[in-house]
Each structure stands twice: as C-alpha cells, then as structure tokens.
Amino acid sequence: MTTTAGHTGPVLVASDLDRTLIYSRAALDLTMPDTKAPRLLCVEIYEGKPLSFMTETAAALLPELAVRTVFVPTTTRTRKQYQRIQLPGPASKFAICANGGHLLVDGVSDPDWHRGVTRRLAEECAPLAEIRSHLTSVADPSWLRKERVAEDLFAYLVVERELLPEGWAKELSDWAEPRGWTVSLQGRKIYAVPKPLTKSAAMREVARRTGARLTLAAGDSLLDADLLEAADHGWQPGHGELADSGRHAPHVTALTRRGVVAGEEIIRGFLERAATVAV
C-alpha cells in the first residue's frame, strides 16, 4: 500500500472509468421500474452519439471529490479515447491512460514515465507483434468484429460476446501467461496486456509526486486488481470480472449494487473516506 505514515499530504483517488464511474447504455443495468430510474448525464459523445453516462447525482458529487482530493482518472483507454470524456468538475492535473502506459500531467504524457514503461516491457515480456499475430490467428471471423493495437503497448479484440466460445478466453490466458501477458474479458472487448503494464505503478508514482497520505481506488475488472490491492482502501461494483470471480482483498469493499448506480455509490464511498482524514 502507498500510505506514508505520519504524512500530511493529500488524499489520492485513482478510479477506473468504464463500468466503474461511467457507463455505456449496454452497461447501465437499470433493473428498477422506469419511473424509479435515476436521471442520467451524458459524459461522452462519439461520432455524434451519446456513449457514456453517470447518474446526475454522481455527476453532482464528482466536482466535490475533485476539490477535496487529488482525483486521478485511471483507465485502459488510449489517450485519444480518454480525451472524449467530459467529466464534471475541474480538470484533473493527473490522469493514467493505456493501463499505466501514459501518465498525463496537465493533459500531456510524461515522456520519462513512458520511456521507463516501454523499456521494462521490452525486457520482461514477449513482443506485442507475437501476441497480436496469435490473437488474429485464433480468432474466428464469425464473432470477431475488430482487432486493435492501443498506443503500441497492448492489443484487444472487439467481439460478439454471445458468439464467443466458452473457454476461449481462458485458453488465450493460459497461452499468454508464460509470455508475460494478461488477458481480460470486459463486455465486448478482450484485452491482452503485458503484466508490467499496470495502473498501480502509475498510481504509486502520482502518490510519490503529490506526497499522498492516503490512496483510494475503484475498479471492476481483472486489470484493476493490482490498483485495488495497491491502494489503502478500494471499492469494486457488484458487476464485472472481479465480482464474478468473488475476488477482493480485505481492504476492498465489494458492493452489491450493479451498473450506473454502483458508480454513484463508489463516489459516495470516496467522499466519506476522505472526510475521515483530518485536513
């Protein structure tokens, strides 16, 4: 964990975005009657269409969180994908993109951080070209919709989830693991990510630069597991890979709420925990 005993620095909040704080229409999981559904605010437009949402209550709470803490949006998205998001409140000084491959400072990638990451990947993992070649060779055109490389750091597939053969992702994971790569299935995307490419490493760097006395984190997928384990306290929603696996560390709160309302509960949790820390 990243706390510095006796330190008087700020509280740092590093939160995953997709399916943690913001939600696509397919991930909203609004199971209540329509008349009881929360009002939503669109926070991302893509190709002229609304793509991602928060509840209006969550959107109203987020600016307060950004003022009271060092709020660090933390995502597997590329920088370009991240920049489409318009979160309420002041712009964050720090953001973590590409699963830790880029540390943004005032919107600009820190070149020294990125060079250090790429050097470590070259030393410890099978090359991206090998992983990408295998992905395309074992994917079936009947369910594969797109194959992409993100920031020259990792690869992912966009698939028709209902047509994906049972066990296919597990077989891919078994193949990738000894090559130093991790596989994560999130919605319609299958990610292949180098093991050293982590959100937690970037969070620790922000904690070092800011002198944070307490680190809080949230996330829903296996790619968020290291982030949650590295924080002093974490939250995970009642959906996603982590919830499905039943996995959570003792200092991580496993919520039962699912979908966009879980995002609202996570922000409340951040605020309540930050309030317990003396200014």
C-alpha atoms as a PDB file:
ATOM      1  CA  MET A   1       0.000   0.000   0.000  1.00  0.00           C
ATOM      2  CA  THR A   2       1.080   3.575  -0.606  1.00  0.00           C
ATOM      3  CA  THR A   3       0.330   5.428   2.621  1.00  0.00           C
ATOM      4  CA  THR A   4       3.232   7.319   4.176  1.00  0.00           C
ATOM      5  CA  ALA A   5       2.939   7.056   7.958  1.00  0.00           C
ATOM      6  CA  GLY A   6       2.562  10.441   9.631  1.00  0.00           C
ATOM      7  CA  HIS A   7       2.441  12.283   6.329  1.00  0.00           C
ATOM      8  CA  THR A   8       0.277  15.374   5.970  1.00  0.00           C
ATOM      9  CA  GLY A   9      -0.235  15.233   2.202  1.00  0.00           C
ATOM     10  CA  PRO A  10      -3.495  14.962   0.282  1.00  0.00           C
ATOM     11  CA  VAL A  11      -5.842  12.043  -0.246  1.00  0.00           C
ATOM     12  CA  LEU A  12      -5.344  10.497  -3.687  1.00  0.00           C
ATOM     13  CA  VAL A  13      -8.282   8.892  -5.509  1.00  0.00           C
ATOM     14  CA  ALA A  14      -7.409   6.700  -8.510  1.00  0.00           C
ATOM     15  CA  SER A  15     -10.563   5.385 -10.137  1.00  0.00           C
ATOM     16  CA  ASP A  16     -11.197   3.280 -13.194  1.00  0.00           C
ATOM     17  CA  LEU A  17     -13.733   4.859 -15.537  1.00  0.00           C
ATOM     18  CA  ASP A  18     -15.669   2.470 -17.794  1.00  0.00           C
ATOM     19  CA  ARG A  19     -18.129   0.312 -15.849  1.00  0.00           C
ATOM     20  CA  THR A  20     -16.870   1.875 -12.613  1.00  0.00           C
ATOM     21  CA  LEU A  21     -17.666   5.593 -12.776  1.00  0.00           C
ATOM     22  CA  ILE A  22     -19.096   5.902 -16.301  1.00  0.00           C
ATOM     23  CA  TYR A  23     -21.364   3.511 -18.196  1.00  0.00           C
ATOM     24  CA  SER A  24     -22.400   2.813 -21.758  1.00  0.00           C
ATOM     25  CA  ARG A  25     -26.085   2.204 -22.463  1.00  0.00           C
ATOM     26  CA  ALA A  26     -25.464  -1.552 -22.519  1.00  0.00           C
ATOM     27  CA  ALA A  27     -23.829  -1.418 -19.072  1.00  0.00           C
ATOM     28  CA  LEU A  28     -26.344   0.815 -17.244  1.00  0.00           C
ATOM     29  CA  ASP A  29     -28.161  -2.196 -15.729  1.00  0.00           C
ATOM     30  CA  LEU A  30     -31.302  -0.242 -14.873  1.00  0.00           C
ATOM     31  CA  THR A  31     -33.436  -3.033 -13.435  1.00  0.00           C
ATOM     32  CA  MET A  32     -35.833  -0.814 -11.494  1.00  0.00           C
ATOM     33  CA  PRO A  33     -39.179   0.400 -12.935  1.00  0.00           C
ATOM     34  CA  ASP A  34     -38.707   3.188 -15.448  1.00  0.00           C
ATOM     35  CA  THR A  35     -40.403   5.675 -13.127  1.00  0.00           C
ATOM     36  CA  LYS A  36     -37.805   4.898 -10.434  1.00  0.00           C
ATOM     37  CA  ALA A  37     -34.748   5.052 -12.697  1.00  0.00           C
ATOM     38  CA  PRO A  38     -32.183   7.761 -11.902  1.00  0.00           C
ATOM     39  CA  ARG A  39     -31.744  10.758 -14.170  1.00  0.00           C
ATOM     40  CA  LEU A  40     -28.606  10.409 -16.276  1.00  0.00           C
ATOM     41  CA  LEU A  41     -25.981  12.822 -17.556  1.00  0.00           C
ATOM     42  CA  CYS A  42     -24.112  12.061 -20.767  1.00  0.00           C
ATOM     43  CA  VAL A  43     -20.334  12.486 -20.289  1.00  0.00           C
ATOM     44  CA  GLU A  44     -19.078  11.184 -23.634  1.00  0.00           C
ATOM     45  CA  ILE A  45     -20.099  11.718 -27.251  1.00  0.00           C
ATOM     46  CA  TYR A  46     -18.665   9.527 -30.005  1.00  0.00           C
ATOM     47  CA  GLU A  47     -19.347  10.146 -33.694  1.00  0.00           C
ATOM     48  CA  GLY A  48     -22.192  12.456 -32.783  1.00  0.00           C
ATOM     49  CA  LYS A  49     -23.930   9.946 -30.496  1.00  0.00           C
ATOM     50  CA  PRO A  50     -24.167   9.736 -26.685  1.00  0.00           C
ATOM     51  CA  LEU A  51     -21.906   6.951 -25.460  1.00  0.00           C
ATOM     52  CA  SER A  52     -21.226   7.109 -21.713  1.00  0.00           C
ATOM     53  CA  PHE A  53     -23.293   8.228 -18.729  1.00  0.00           C
ATOM     54  CA  MET A  54     -23.305   8.888 -14.996  1.00  0.00           C
ATOM     55  CA  THR A  55     -26.279   9.458 -12.737  1.00  0.00           C
ATOM     56  CA  GLU A  56     -26.947  13.148 -12.229  1.00  0.00           C
ATOM     57  CA  THR A  57     -26.296  12.633  -8.522  1.00  0.00           C
ATOM     58  CA  ALA A  58     -22.881  11.096  -9.219  1.00  0.00           C
ATOM     59  CA  ALA A  59     -22.116  13.965 -11.594  1.00  0.00           C
ATOM     60  CA  ALA A  60     -23.017  16.479  -8.866  1.00  0.00           C
ATOM     61  CA  LEU A  61     -20.760  14.734  -6.322  1.00  0.00           C
ATOM     62  CA  LEU A  62     -17.713  14.380  -8.560  1.00  0.00           C
ATOM     63  CA  PRO A  63     -16.690  18.084  -8.527  1.00  0.00           C
ATOM     64  CA  GLU A  64     -16.694  17.985  -4.711  1.00  0.00           C
ATOM     65  CA  LEU A  65     -14.429  14.932  -4.829  1.00  0.00           C
ATOM     66  CA  ALA A  66     -12.079  16.663  -7.278  1.00  0.00           C
ATOM     67  CA  VAL A  67     -11.767  19.666  -4.949  1.00  0.00           C
ATOM     68  CA  ARG A  68     -11.234  17.658  -1.757  1.00  0.00           C
ATOM     69  CA  THR A  69      -8.765  15.096  -3.154  1.00  0.00           C
ATOM     70  CA  VAL A  70      -6.216  14.520  -5.883  1.00  0.00           C
ATOM     71  CA  PHE A  71      -8.634  12.821  -8.262  1.00  0.00           C
ATOM     72  CA  VAL A  72      -6.851  10.729 -10.898  1.00  0.00           C
ATOM     73  CA  PRO A  73      -8.965   9.201 -13.701  1.00  0.00           C
ATOM     74  CA  THR A  74      -7.356   5.810 -14.318  1.00  0.00           C
ATOM     75  CA  THR A  75      -8.185   3.886 -17.466  1.00  0.00           C
ATOM     76  CA  THR A  76      -7.147   1.276 -20.004  1.00  0.00           C
ATOM     77  CA  ARG A  77      -8.369   3.663 -22.702  1.00  0.00           C
ATOM     78  CA  THR A  78      -5.905   5.283 -25.070  1.00  0.00           C
ATOM     79  CA  ARG A  79      -5.232   8.977 -24.641  1.00  0.00           C
ATOM     80  CA  LYS A  80      -7.485   9.799 -27.583  1.00  0.00           C
ATOM     81  CA  GLN A  81     -10.341   7.717 -26.169  1.00  0.00           C
ATOM     82  CA  TYR A  82      -9.899   9.267 -22.721  1.00  0.00           C
ATOM     83  CA  GLN A  83      -9.992  12.802 -24.093  1.00  0.00           C
ATOM     84  CA  ARG A  84     -13.526  12.241 -25.403  1.00  0.00           C
ATOM     85  CA  ILE A  85     -14.800  12.008 -21.824  1.00  0.00           C
ATOM     86  CA  GLN A  86     -16.105  15.218 -20.256  1.00  0.00           C
ATOM     87  CA  LEU A  87     -16.257  14.597 -16.523  1.00  0.00           C
ATOM     88  CA  PRO A  88     -17.989  17.223 -14.384  1.00  0.00           C
ATOM     89  CA  GLY A  89     -15.807  19.451 -12.229  1.00  0.00           C
ATOM     90  CA  PRO A  90     -12.303  20.864 -12.590  1.00  0.00           C
ATOM     91  CA  ALA A  91      -9.840  19.146 -14.901  1.00  0.00           C
ATOM     92  CA  SER A  92      -7.608  16.622 -13.152  1.00  0.00           C
ATOM     93  CA  LYS A  93      -3.924  17.518 -13.026  1.00  0.00           C
ATOM     94  CA  PHE A  94      -3.023  13.820 -13.351  1.00  0.00           C
ATOM     95  CA  ALA A  95      -4.615  11.034 -15.381  1.00  0.00           C
ATOM     96  CA  ILE A  96      -3.491   7.476 -16.092  1.00  0.00           C
ATOM     97  CA  CYS A  97      -4.146   6.117 -19.598  1.00  0.00           C
ATOM     98  CA  ALA A  98      -3.311   2.949 -21.526  1.00  0.00           C
ATOM     99  CA  ASN A  99      -3.390   0.898 -18.305  1.00  0.00           C
ATOM    100  CA  GLY A 100      -0.450   2.858 -16.918  1.00  0.00           C
ATOM    101  CA  GLY A 101       1.491   3.270 -20.135  1.00  0.00           C
ATOM    102  CA  HIS A 102       0.890   7.014 -20.170  1.00  0.00           C
ATOM    103  CA  LEU A 103       0.885   9.300 -17.150  1.00  0.00           C
ATOM    104  CA  LEU A 104      -0.753  12.568 -18.158  1.00  0.00           C
ATOM    105  CA  VAL A 105       0.269  15.741 -16.364  1.00  0.00           C
ATOM    106  CA  ASP A 106      -1.980  18.678 -17.247  1.00  0.00           C
ATOM    107  CA  GLY A 107      -3.162  16.666 -20.247  1.00  0.00           C
ATOM    108  CA  VAL A 108       0.312  15.871 -21.616  1.00  0.00           C
ATOM    109  CA  SER A 109       2.034  12.470 -21.420  1.00  0.00           C
ATOM    110  CA  ASP A 110       5.135  12.473 -19.206  1.00  0.00           C
ATOM    111  CA  PRO A 111       7.892  11.326 -21.617  1.00  0.00           C
ATOM    112  CA  ASP A 112      10.221   9.995 -18.912  1.00  0.00           C
ATOM    113  CA  TRP A 113       7.463   7.829 -17.448  1.00  0.00           C
ATOM    114  CA  HIS A 114       6.535   6.436 -20.853  1.00  0.00           C
ATOM    115  CA  ARG A 115      10.150   5.644 -21.736  1.00  0.00           C
ATOM    116  CA  GLY A 116      10.585   3.761 -18.482  1.00  0.00           C
ATOM    117  CA  VAL A 117       7.440   1.716 -19.121  1.00  0.00           C
ATOM    118  CA  THR A 118       8.389   0.744 -22.661  1.00  0.00           C
ATOM    119  CA  ARG A 119      11.895  -0.217 -21.560  1.00  0.00           C
ATOM    120  CA  ARG A 120      10.531  -2.559 -18.922  1.00  0.00           C
ATOM    121  CA  LEU A 121       8.080  -4.182 -21.344  1.00  0.00           C
ATOM    122  CA  ALA A 122      10.877  -4.860 -23.825  1.00  0.00           C
ATOM    123  CA  GLU A 123      12.944  -6.509 -21.111  1.00  0.00           C
ATOM    124  CA  GLU A 124      10.253  -8.636 -19.442  1.00  0.00           C
ATOM    125  CA  CYS A 125       7.575  -9.612 -21.985  1.00  0.00           C
ATOM    126  CA  ALA A 126       7.113 -11.299 -25.330  1.00  0.00           C
ATOM    127  CA  PRO A 127       6.853  -8.657 -28.063  1.00  0.00           C
ATOM    128  CA  LEU A 128       3.500  -7.166 -28.999  1.00  0.00           C
ATOM    129  CA  ALA A 129       3.856  -8.427 -32.575  1.00  0.00           C
ATOM    130  CA  GLU A 130       3.929 -12.050 -31.359  1.00  0.00           C
ATOM    131  CA  ILE A 131       0.838 -11.574 -29.211  1.00  0.00           C
ATOM    132  CA  ARG A 132      -1.058  -9.789 -31.958  1.00  0.00           C
ATOM    133  CA  SER A 133      -0.199 -12.472 -34.510  1.00  0.00           C
ATOM    134  CA  HIS A 134      -1.523 -15.170 -32.196  1.00  0.00           C
ATOM    135  CA  LEU A 135      -4.707 -13.230 -31.426  1.00  0.00           C
ATOM    136  CA  THR A 136      -5.609 -12.859 -35.073  1.00  0.00           C
ATOM    137  CA  SER A 137      -4.748 -16.481 -35.869  1.00  0.00           C
ATOM    138  CA  VAL A 138      -7.038 -17.970 -33.199  1.00  0.00           C
ATOM    139  CA  ALA A 139      -9.946 -15.512 -33.512  1.00  0.00           C
ATOM    140  CA  ASP A 140     -12.904 -16.671 -35.596  1.00  0.00           C
ATOM    141  CA  PRO A 141     -14.330 -14.179 -38.135  1.00  0.00           C
ATOM    142  CA  SER A 142     -17.817 -15.340 -37.160  1.00  0.00           C
ATOM    143  CA  TRP A 143     -17.538 -13.493 -33.834  1.00  0.00           C
ATOM    144  CA  LEU A 144     -14.573 -11.141 -34.312  1.00  0.00           C
ATOM    145  CA  ARG A 145     -15.611  -7.585 -35.160  1.00  0.00           C
ATOM    146  CA  LYS A 146     -12.391  -5.567 -34.722  1.00  0.00           C
ATOM    147  CA  GLU A 147      -8.735  -6.110 -33.859  1.00  0.00           C
ATOM    148  CA  ARG A 148      -6.839  -3.136 -32.468  1.00  0.00           C
ATOM    149  CA  VAL A 149      -3.466  -2.120 -31.049  1.00  0.00           C
ATOM    150  CA  ALA A 150      -3.556   0.559 -28.336  1.00  0.00           C
ATOM    151  CA  GLU A 151      -0.705   3.068 -28.108  1.00  0.00           C
ATOM    152  CA  ASP A 152       1.746   0.403 -29.367  1.00  0.00           C
ATOM    153  CA  LEU A 153       1.527  -1.113 -25.886  1.00  0.00           C
ATOM    154  CA  PHE A 154      -1.193  -3.776 -25.938  1.00  0.00           C
ATOM    155  CA  ALA A 155      -3.821  -5.364 -28.169  1.00  0.00           C
ATOM    156  CA  TYR A 156      -7.531  -6.013 -27.924  1.00  0.00           C
ATOM    157  CA  LEU A 157     -10.355  -7.619 -29.847  1.00  0.00           C
ATOM    158  CA  VAL A 158     -13.946  -6.418 -30.149  1.00  0.00           C
ATOM    159  CA  VAL A 159     -16.209  -9.475 -30.325  1.00  0.00           C
ATOM    160  CA  GLU A 160     -19.825 -10.584 -30.434  1.00  0.00           C
ATOM    161  CA  ARG A 161     -19.892 -11.750 -26.832  1.00  0.00           C
ATOM    162  CA  GLU A 162     -22.802 -14.167 -27.230  1.00  0.00           C
ATOM    163  CA  LEU A 163     -20.964 -15.996 -30.040  1.00  0.00           C
ATOM    164  CA  LEU A 164     -17.627 -16.262 -28.229  1.00  0.00           C
ATOM    165  CA  PRO A 165     -16.953 -19.964 -27.470  1.00  0.00           C
ATOM    166  CA  GLU A 166     -16.975 -20.869 -23.802  1.00  0.00           C
ATOM    167  CA  GLY A 167     -13.442 -21.267 -22.543  1.00  0.00           C
ATOM    168  CA  TRP A 168     -11.827 -19.378 -25.419  1.00  0.00           C
ATOM    169  CA  ALA A 169     -10.625 -16.513 -23.229  1.00  0.00           C
ATOM    170  CA  LYS A 170      -9.259 -18.984 -20.666  1.00  0.00           C
ATOM    171  CA  GLU A 171      -7.278 -20.792 -23.364  1.00  0.00           C
ATOM    172  CA  LEU A 172      -5.875 -17.480 -24.553  1.00  0.00           C
ATOM    173  CA  SER A 173      -4.952 -16.562 -20.988  1.00  0.00           C
ATOM    174  CA  ASP A 174      -3.137 -19.876 -20.485  1.00  0.00           C
ATOM    175  CA  TRP A 175      -1.139 -19.230 -23.672  1.00  0.00           C
ATOM    176  CA  ALA A 176      -0.318 -15.612 -22.803  1.00  0.00           C
ATOM    177  CA  GLU A 177       0.618 -16.054 -19.138  1.00  0.00           C
ATOM    178  CA  PRO A 178       4.069 -17.650 -19.597  1.00  0.00           C
ATOM    179  CA  ARG A 179       4.854 -14.953 -22.173  1.00  0.00           C
ATOM    180  CA  GLY A 180       4.352 -12.255 -19.561  1.00  0.00           C
ATOM    181  CA  TRP A 181       0.898 -11.108 -20.689  1.00  0.00           C
ATOM    182  CA  THR A 182      -2.519 -10.908 -19.002  1.00  0.00           C
ATOM    183  CA  VAL A 183      -5.903 -11.491 -20.671  1.00  0.00           C
ATOM    184  CA  SER A 184      -9.058  -9.674 -19.542  1.00  0.00           C
ATOM    185  CA  LEU A 185     -12.608 -10.026 -20.921  1.00  0.00           C
ATOM    186  CA  GLN A 186     -14.634  -6.840 -20.417  1.00  0.00           C
ATOM    187  CA  GLY A 187     -18.001  -6.603 -22.101  1.00  0.00           C
ATOM    188  CA  ARG A 188     -17.359  -6.964 -25.846  1.00  0.00           C
ATOM    189  CA  LYS A 189     -13.594  -6.449 -25.555  1.00  0.00           C
ATOM    190  CA  ILE A 190     -10.842  -8.997 -24.949  1.00  0.00           C
ATOM    191  CA  TYR A 191      -7.616  -7.334 -23.812  1.00  0.00           C
ATOM    192  CA  ALA A 192      -4.102  -8.770 -23.977  1.00  0.00           C
ATOM    193  CA  VAL A 193      -1.905  -6.599 -21.756  1.00  0.00           C
ATOM    194  CA  PRO A 194       1.744  -7.004 -20.651  1.00  0.00           C
ATOM    195  CA  LYS A 195       1.938  -7.891 -16.956  1.00  0.00           C
ATOM    196  CA  PRO A 196       4.278  -4.998 -16.052  1.00  0.00           C
ATOM    197  CA  LEU A 197       1.866  -2.508 -17.646  1.00  0.00           C
ATOM    198  CA  THR A 198      -0.152  -1.672 -14.540  1.00  0.00           C
ATOM    199  CA  LYS A 199      -2.354   1.067 -13.218  1.00  0.00           C
ATOM    200  CA  SER A 200      -0.899   0.547  -9.736  1.00  0.00           C
ATOM    201  CA  ALA A 201       2.632   1.533 -10.780  1.00  0.00           C
ATOM    202  CA  ALA A 202       1.357   4.811 -12.215  1.00  0.00           C
ATOM    203  CA  MET A 203      -0.788   5.434  -9.121  1.00  0.00           C
ATOM    204  CA  ARG A 204       2.262   4.949  -6.895  1.00  0.00           C
ATOM    205  CA  GLU A 205       4.156   7.491  -8.995  1.00  0.00           C
ATOM    206  CA  VAL A 206       1.387  10.069  -8.584  1.00  0.00           C
ATOM    207  CA  ALA A 207       1.306   9.324  -4.846  1.00  0.00           C
ATOM    208  CA  ARG A 208       5.065   9.928  -4.690  1.00  0.00           C
ATOM    209  CA  ARG A 209       4.837  13.219  -6.577  1.00  0.00           C
ATOM    210  CA  THR A 210       1.951  14.556  -4.509  1.00  0.00           C
ATOM    211  CA  GLY A 211       3.044  13.162  -1.131  1.00  0.00           C
ATOM    212  CA  ALA A 212      -0.349  11.488  -0.702  1.00  0.00           C
ATOM    213  CA  ARG A 213      -1.064  10.258   2.810  1.00  0.00           C
ATOM    214  CA  LEU A 214      -3.948   8.014   1.777  1.00  0.00           C
ATOM    215  CA  THR A 215      -4.752   6.290  -1.523  1.00  0.00           C
ATOM    216  CA  LEU A 216      -8.268   5.227  -2.521  1.00  0.00           C
ATOM    217  CA  ALA A 217      -9.157   3.281  -5.672  1.00  0.00           C
ATOM    218  CA  ALA A 218     -12.046   1.632  -7.517  1.00  0.00           C
ATOM    219  CA  GLY A 219     -12.383  -0.751 -10.443  1.00  0.00           C
ATOM    220  CA  ASP A 220     -14.363  -3.672 -11.810  1.00  0.00           C
ATOM    221  CA  SER A 221     -12.031  -5.785 -13.970  1.00  0.00           C
ATOM    222  CA  LEU A 222      -9.009  -8.018 -13.561  1.00  0.00           C
ATOM    223  CA  LEU A 223      -6.928  -5.167 -14.978  1.00  0.00           C
ATOM    224  CA  ASP A 224      -7.978  -3.178 -11.887  1.00  0.00           C
ATOM    225  CA  ALA A 225      -6.999  -5.867  -9.372  1.00  0.00           C
ATOM    226  CA  ASP A 226      -3.460  -4.559  -8.891  1.00  0.00           C
ATOM    227  CA  LEU A 227      -4.777  -0.999  -8.476  1.00  0.00           C
ATOM    228  CA  LEU A 228      -7.166  -2.051  -5.721  1.00  0.00           C
ATOM    229  CA  GLU A 229      -4.554  -4.162  -3.973  1.00  0.00           C
ATOM    230  CA  ALA A 230      -2.039  -1.287  -4.011  1.00  0.00           C
ATOM    231  CA  ALA A 231      -4.449   1.279  -2.539  1.00  0.00           C
ATOM    232  CA  ASP A 232      -5.106   1.800   1.147  1.00  0.00           C
ATOM    233  CA  HIS A 233      -8.794   1.167   0.533  1.00  0.00           C
ATOM    234  CA  GLY A 234     -10.742   0.180  -2.552  1.00  0.00           C
ATOM    235  CA  TRP A 235     -14.235  -0.370  -3.904  1.00  0.00           C
ATOM    236  CA  GLN A 236     -15.493  -2.736  -6.590  1.00  0.00           C
ATOM    237  CA  PRO A 237     -19.044  -2.775  -8.000  1.00  0.00           C
ATOM    238  CA  GLY A 238     -21.336  -5.783  -7.928  1.00  0.00           C
ATOM    239  CA  HIS A 239     -20.692  -6.484 -11.619  1.00  0.00           C
ATOM    240  CA  GLY A 240     -17.574  -7.196 -13.669  1.00  0.00           C
ATOM    241  CA  GLU A 241     -14.742  -9.707 -13.682  1.00  0.00           C
ATOM    242  CA  LEU A 242     -13.760  -9.112 -10.063  1.00  0.00           C
ATOM    243  CA  ALA A 243     -17.303  -9.564  -8.782  1.00  0.00           C
ATOM    244  CA  ASP A 244     -17.844 -12.646 -10.942  1.00  0.00           C
ATOM    245  CA  SER A 245     -14.648 -14.211  -9.615  1.00  0.00           C
ATOM    246  CA  GLY A 246     -15.547 -13.487  -5.991  1.00  0.00           C
ATOM    247  CA  ARG A 247     -12.113 -11.961  -5.607  1.00  0.00           C
ATOM    248  CA  HIS A 248     -11.423  -8.992  -3.365  1.00  0.00           C
ATOM    249  CA  ALA A 249      -8.769  -8.100  -0.821  1.00  0.00           C
ATOM    250  CA  PRO A 250      -9.712  -7.495   2.842  1.00  0.00           C
ATOM    251  CA  HIS A 251      -9.335  -3.726   2.443  1.00  0.00           C
ATOM    252  CA  VAL A 252     -11.593  -3.645  -0.656  1.00  0.00           C
ATOM    253  CA  THR A 253     -15.336  -3.052  -0.242  1.00  0.00           C
ATOM    254  CA  ALA A 254     -17.295  -5.375  -2.542  1.00  0.00           C
ATOM    255  CA  LEU A 255     -20.546  -3.594  -3.336  1.00  0.00           C
ATOM    256  CA  THR A 256     -23.753  -5.410  -4.190  1.00  0.00           C
ATOM    257  CA  ARG A 257     -25.137  -2.649  -6.395  1.00  0.00           C
ATOM    258  CA  ARG A 258     -24.605  -3.089 -10.114  1.00  0.00           C
ATOM    259  CA  GLY A 259     -24.487  -0.774 -13.100  1.00  0.00           C
ATOM    260  CA  VAL A 260     -24.570   3.006 -13.106  1.00  0.00           C
ATOM    261  CA  VAL A 261     -25.994   3.250  -9.572  1.00  0.00           C
ATOM    262  CA  ALA A 262     -22.866   1.475  -8.314  1.00  0.00           C
ATOM    263  CA  GLY A 263     -20.796   4.318  -9.751  1.00  0.00           C
ATOM    264  CA  GLU A 264     -22.743   6.750  -7.605  1.00  0.00           C
ATOM    265  CA  GLU A 265     -22.151   4.611  -4.509  1.00  0.00           C
ATOM    266  CA  ILE A 266     -18.423   4.465  -5.237  1.00  0.00           C
ATOM    267  CA  ILE A 267     -18.125   8.265  -5.350  1.00  0.00           C
ATOM    268  CA  ARG A 268     -20.012   8.496  -2.055  1.00  0.00           C
ATOM    269  CA  GLY A 269     -17.571   5.981  -0.593  1.00  0.00           C
ATOM    270  CA  PHE A 270     -14.591   8.061  -1.749  1.00  0.00           C
ATOM    271  CA  LEU A 271     -16.052  11.207  -0.191  1.00  0.00           C
ATOM    272  CA  GLU A 272     -16.942   9.546   3.106  1.00  0.00           C
ATOM    273  CA  ARG A 273     -13.492   8.010   3.489  1.00  0.00           C
ATOM    274  CA  ALA A 274     -11.711  11.222   2.525  1.00  0.00           C
ATOM    275  CA  ALA A 275     -13.779  13.107   5.114  1.00  0.00           C
ATOM    276  CA  THR A 276     -12.369  10.907   7.895  1.00  0.00           C
ATOM    277  CA  VAL A 277      -8.849  12.164   7.171  1.00  0.00           C
ATOM    278  CA  ALA A 278      -8.009  15.325   9.080  1.00  0.00           C
ATOM    279  CA  VAL A 279      -7.088  18.324   6.940  1.00  0.00           C
END
